[in-house]
Structure formats: structure tokens, C-alpha cells
Amino acid sequence: MIEDTVSLHRRPRWLVLGLVLASAAMPGFLPQAHGQAESARKVQTRTIPAYPDLARRMRIAGVVKVQVTVAPNGTVKDATVVGGHPLLADAVITAVRRWRFEARPQESVERLEFRFDPQQ
């Protein structure tokens, strides 16, 4: 007797690889932080904080506020969390440290906000 069953546990590797590549190509596919406040200093390079997997699974939402000290050359000298959930704050600090601002004669302090929503 020949059985005509299909296993749902065995997926073709090309299908899995295709789905992974497609999700990487669509930045809006995975939830990310959005809605950062505009700073007085123009941002030249921005890294969007990734929504931490654990926070997304726990459906943690909220706003993370950070205070960023920007050196005269535009690099982030210091970043401090002013408010927000600790699981979300680490992702923001990691991303903001990669930001680059326009160069100015003096260092400045910027306040930024990042909104996390598992529904988006």
C-alpha cells in the first residue's frame, strides 16, 4: 500500500531560504522602532533600532527616550536612557551609538524618542 501523505515538517530548503531573504528585503516586515523626535542637529547617518525578539514576543510596547551628547565631529560621545522599558532601551542605545550628525564647532545635547509597537 502506498501512502500519499505530505509532511508539513519537511519544507524545501529553497522555500525557507526565499522567505528569509524576502523578509530581510522588506524592512517593514519585522517590527522596528519609529517616530524619533527631530533633533536640532541634522542627522547624516541613522540606524533604526531593531525590535528585540523577546520584547516583541512579550508584546512590550512603549516609548524610549534618550539623551545623546554629540561630539563636534558629529559622532555620538554619550547616550543615556531618560525613560522607557529596559528591554527596549538596550536596542535604542546600540542603534544610536552608530548615528552620525553634522559637524559643528561645539558639542551638543540632543533628546530623541523611539516608539515601539508590536502591531507595526
Protein backbone atom coordinates (compact mmCIF):
# COMPACT_ATOMS: atom_id res chain seq x y z
CA MET A 1 0.00 0.00 0.00
CA ILE A 2 1.39 3.42 -0.99
CA GLU A 3 0.60 6.38 1.22
CA ASP A 4 0.00 9.79 -0.33
CA THR A 5 0.74 11.99 2.65
CA VAL A 6 2.59 15.24 2.74
CA SER A 7 4.71 16.15 5.71
CA LEU A 8 4.31 19.72 6.85
CA HIS A 9 7.52 19.45 8.84
CA ARG A 10 9.72 18.98 5.79
CA ARG A 11 9.84 22.14 3.74
CA PRO A 12 12.03 22.58 0.72
CA ARG A 13 15.19 24.46 1.62
CA TRP A 14 14.73 26.87 -1.25
CA LEU A 15 11.33 27.91 0.16
CA VAL A 16 12.73 28.62 3.61
CA LEU A 17 15.70 30.48 2.13
CA GLY A 18 13.36 32.51 -0.08
CA LEU A 19 11.19 33.54 2.87
CA VAL A 20 14.23 34.56 4.89
CA LEU A 21 15.61 36.65 2.03
CA ALA A 22 12.23 38.23 1.35
CA SER A 23 11.81 39.25 4.99
CA ALA A 24 15.29 40.79 5.02
CA ALA A 25 14.50 42.76 1.86
CA MET A 26 11.31 44.20 3.36
CA PRO A 27 12.32 46.46 6.27
CA GLY A 28 8.71 46.94 7.33
CA PHE A 29 8.15 43.19 7.65
CA LEU A 30 9.61 42.95 11.15
CA PRO A 31 8.56 45.45 13.80
CA GLN A 32 11.07 48.23 14.36
CA ALA A 33 11.20 51.43 16.35
CA HIS A 34 9.85 54.52 14.67
CA GLY A 35 8.93 58.12 15.28
CA GLN A 36 12.15 59.51 16.68
CA ALA A 37 11.94 63.18 17.54
CA GLU A 38 13.74 65.64 15.35
CA SER A 39 16.97 66.94 16.80
CA ALA A 40 18.40 70.43 16.49
CA ARG A 41 21.40 68.93 14.71
CA LYS A 42 20.94 67.29 11.32
CA VAL A 43 21.36 63.52 11.34
CA GLN A 44 23.54 62.27 8.48
CA THR A 45 23.58 58.53 9.25
CA ARG A 46 20.78 56.82 11.15
CA THR A 47 20.43 53.24 12.38
CA ILE A 48 16.89 52.14 13.21
CA PRO A 49 16.70 50.15 16.45
CA ALA A 50 15.61 46.57 15.90
CA TYR A 51 12.66 45.43 17.96
CA PRO A 52 14.16 42.92 20.44
CA ASP A 53 12.75 39.45 19.83
CA LEU A 54 11.92 38.85 23.49
CA ALA A 55 10.13 42.21 23.78
CA ARG A 56 8.16 41.50 20.60
CA ARG A 57 7.10 38.05 21.84
CA MET A 58 6.06 39.57 25.18
CA ARG A 59 4.21 42.30 23.22
CA ILE A 60 6.05 45.06 25.08
CA ALA A 61 5.29 48.44 23.58
CA GLY A 62 6.25 51.94 24.58
CA VAL A 63 8.47 54.94 24.10
CA VAL A 64 12.17 55.05 24.87
CA LYS A 65 13.65 58.49 25.46
CA VAL A 66 17.39 59.03 25.23
CA GLN A 67 19.71 61.96 25.73
CA VAL A 68 22.63 61.95 23.31
CA THR A 69 25.82 64.00 23.61
CA VAL A 70 27.22 64.67 20.14
CA ALA A 71 30.90 65.50 19.70
CA PRO A 72 31.93 68.40 17.42
CA ASN A 73 32.85 65.92 14.64
CA GLY A 74 29.28 64.50 14.68
CA THR A 75 29.91 61.19 16.45
CA VAL A 76 27.88 60.14 19.46
CA LYS A 77 30.00 60.73 22.53
CA ASP A 78 27.49 59.51 25.10
CA ALA A 79 23.93 58.14 25.14
CA THR A 80 21.82 57.89 28.27
CA VAL A 81 18.32 56.45 28.64
CA VAL A 82 15.95 59.03 30.15
CA GLY A 83 12.90 56.75 30.15
CA GLY A 84 11.47 53.55 28.75
CA HIS A 85 11.38 49.78 29.19
CA PRO A 86 14.86 48.25 29.77
CA LEU A 87 14.32 45.55 27.10
CA LEU A 88 13.66 48.26 24.52
CA ALA A 89 16.27 50.71 25.83
CA ASP A 90 19.24 48.45 25.06
CA ALA A 91 18.23 48.26 21.39
CA VAL A 92 17.94 52.06 21.20
CA ILE A 93 21.33 52.69 22.80
CA THR A 94 23.01 50.17 20.47
CA ALA A 95 21.49 51.85 17.41
CA VAL A 96 22.01 55.48 18.48
CA ARG A 97 25.72 54.92 19.12
CA ARG A 98 26.04 54.30 15.35
CA TRP A 99 24.38 57.59 14.39
CA ARG A 100 26.40 60.38 12.80
CA PHE A 101 25.34 64.02 12.98
CA GLU A 102 26.53 67.04 11.04
CA ALA A 103 29.79 68.55 12.28
CA ARG A 104 29.59 71.73 14.36
CA PRO A 105 32.13 73.81 16.28
CA GLN A 106 30.81 72.66 19.68
CA GLU A 107 29.33 69.51 21.13
CA SER A 108 25.59 69.44 21.66
CA VAL A 109 23.00 67.51 23.61
CA GLU A 110 20.05 66.03 21.72
CA ARG A 111 16.89 64.37 23.08
CA LEU A 112 15.40 61.61 20.96
CA GLU A 113 12.30 59.43 21.28
CA PHE A 114 11.71 56.00 19.78
CA ARG A 115 8.28 54.36 19.73
CA PHE A 116 7.99 50.56 19.77
CA ASP A 117 4.70 48.92 18.78
CA PRO A 118 4.44 45.14 18.19
CA GLN A 119 1.47 45.74 15.87
CA GLN A 120 3.52 47.67 13.31
